[in-house]
Protein backbone atom coordinates (compact mmCIF):
# COMPACT_ATOMS: atom_id res chain seq x y z
CA UNK A 1 29.00 7.87 14.21
CA UNK A 2 25.64 6.15 13.98
CA UNK A 3 22.98 5.68 16.77
CA UNK A 4 21.81 2.11 17.65
CA UNK A 5 17.74 2.12 17.21
CA UNK A 6 15.60 -0.42 18.52
CA UNK A 7 12.65 -2.18 16.52
CA UNK A 8 9.98 -0.15 18.78
CA UNK A 9 11.96 3.38 17.88
CA UNK A 10 12.15 2.16 13.94
CA UNK A 11 8.43 1.09 14.01
CA UNK A 12 7.55 4.66 15.68
CA UNK A 13 9.42 6.19 13.00
CA UNK A 14 8.11 4.30 10.39
CA UNK A 15 4.47 5.33 11.62
CA UNK A 16 5.21 8.76 11.94
CA UNK A 17 6.83 8.97 8.40
CA UNK A 18 3.69 7.44 7.25
CA UNK A 19 1.35 10.04 8.74
CA UNK A 20 3.75 12.70 7.45
CA UNK A 21 3.50 11.39 3.53
CA UNK A 22 -0.33 10.99 4.38
CA UNK A 23 -0.51 14.62 5.13
CA UNK A 24 1.76 15.85 2.54
CA UNK A 25 -0.32 13.74 0.02
CA UNK A 26 -3.55 15.60 1.28
CA UNK A 27 -1.95 19.14 0.85
CA UNK A 28 -0.41 18.56 -2.36
CA UNK A 29 -3.73 17.12 -3.63
CA UNK A 30 -5.84 19.75 -2.39
CA UNK A 31 -3.01 22.31 -4.19
CA UNK A 32 -3.51 20.69 -7.35
CA UNK A 33 -7.23 21.30 -7.72
CA UNK A 34 -6.98 24.59 -6.57
CA UNK A 35 -4.38 25.40 -9.31
CA UNK A 36 -6.41 23.21 -11.72
CA UNK A 37 -8.19 26.44 -13.31
CA UNK A 38 -5.07 29.14 -12.90
CA UNK A 39 -1.64 27.54 -13.32
CA UNK A 40 -2.17 24.00 -15.37
CA UNK A 41 1.76 23.68 -15.23
CA UNK A 42 1.58 24.14 -11.10
CA UNK A 43 -1.60 21.81 -10.88
CA UNK A 44 0.68 18.98 -12.71
CA UNK A 45 3.57 19.43 -10.79
CA UNK A 46 1.26 19.33 -7.53
CA UNK A 47 -0.01 15.69 -9.35
CA UNK A 48 3.33 14.59 -9.74
CA UNK A 49 4.04 15.17 -5.82
CA UNK A 50 0.99 13.87 -5.00
CA UNK A 51 1.70 10.52 -6.82
CA UNK A 52 5.26 10.35 -5.31
CA UNK A 53 3.50 11.01 -1.33
CA UNK A 54 1.11 8.11 -2.53
CA UNK A 55 3.87 5.51 -3.30
CA UNK A 56 5.77 6.25 -0.09
CA UNK A 57 2.45 5.61 1.60
CA UNK A 58 2.01 2.20 -0.46
CA UNK A 59 5.45 1.03 0.72
CA UNK A 60 4.89 2.32 4.53
CA UNK A 61 1.78 0.21 4.73
CA UNK A 62 3.50 -2.62 2.98
CA UNK A 63 6.39 -2.60 5.53
CA UNK A 64 4.19 -2.25 8.49
CA UNK A 65 1.21 -4.68 7.68
CA UNK A 66 2.49 -6.71 5.07
CA UNK A 67 -0.04 -8.13 2.60
CA UNK A 68 -2.69 -6.07 3.74
CA UNK A 69 -3.25 -4.05 0.50
CA UNK A 70 -3.47 -7.33 -1.81
CA UNK A 71 -6.21 -8.24 0.62
CA UNK A 72 -7.96 -5.49 0.20
CA UNK A 73 -7.75 -5.37 -3.73
């Protein structure tokens, strides 16, 4: 069975998801930098994960603040 979620709760969830994605993006970016000299394969994997989280952040930003990114660019 599915729960009904009001718009305020949906916005709160999207904001939490964006904050979580930002934290994960920072974590993977740091990991990539740490692994660059010792584990090139691990560093590449971390870069891919960083890019994935960056994409999630862009999408959530566009949903939560439409047009903001195009104004900045």
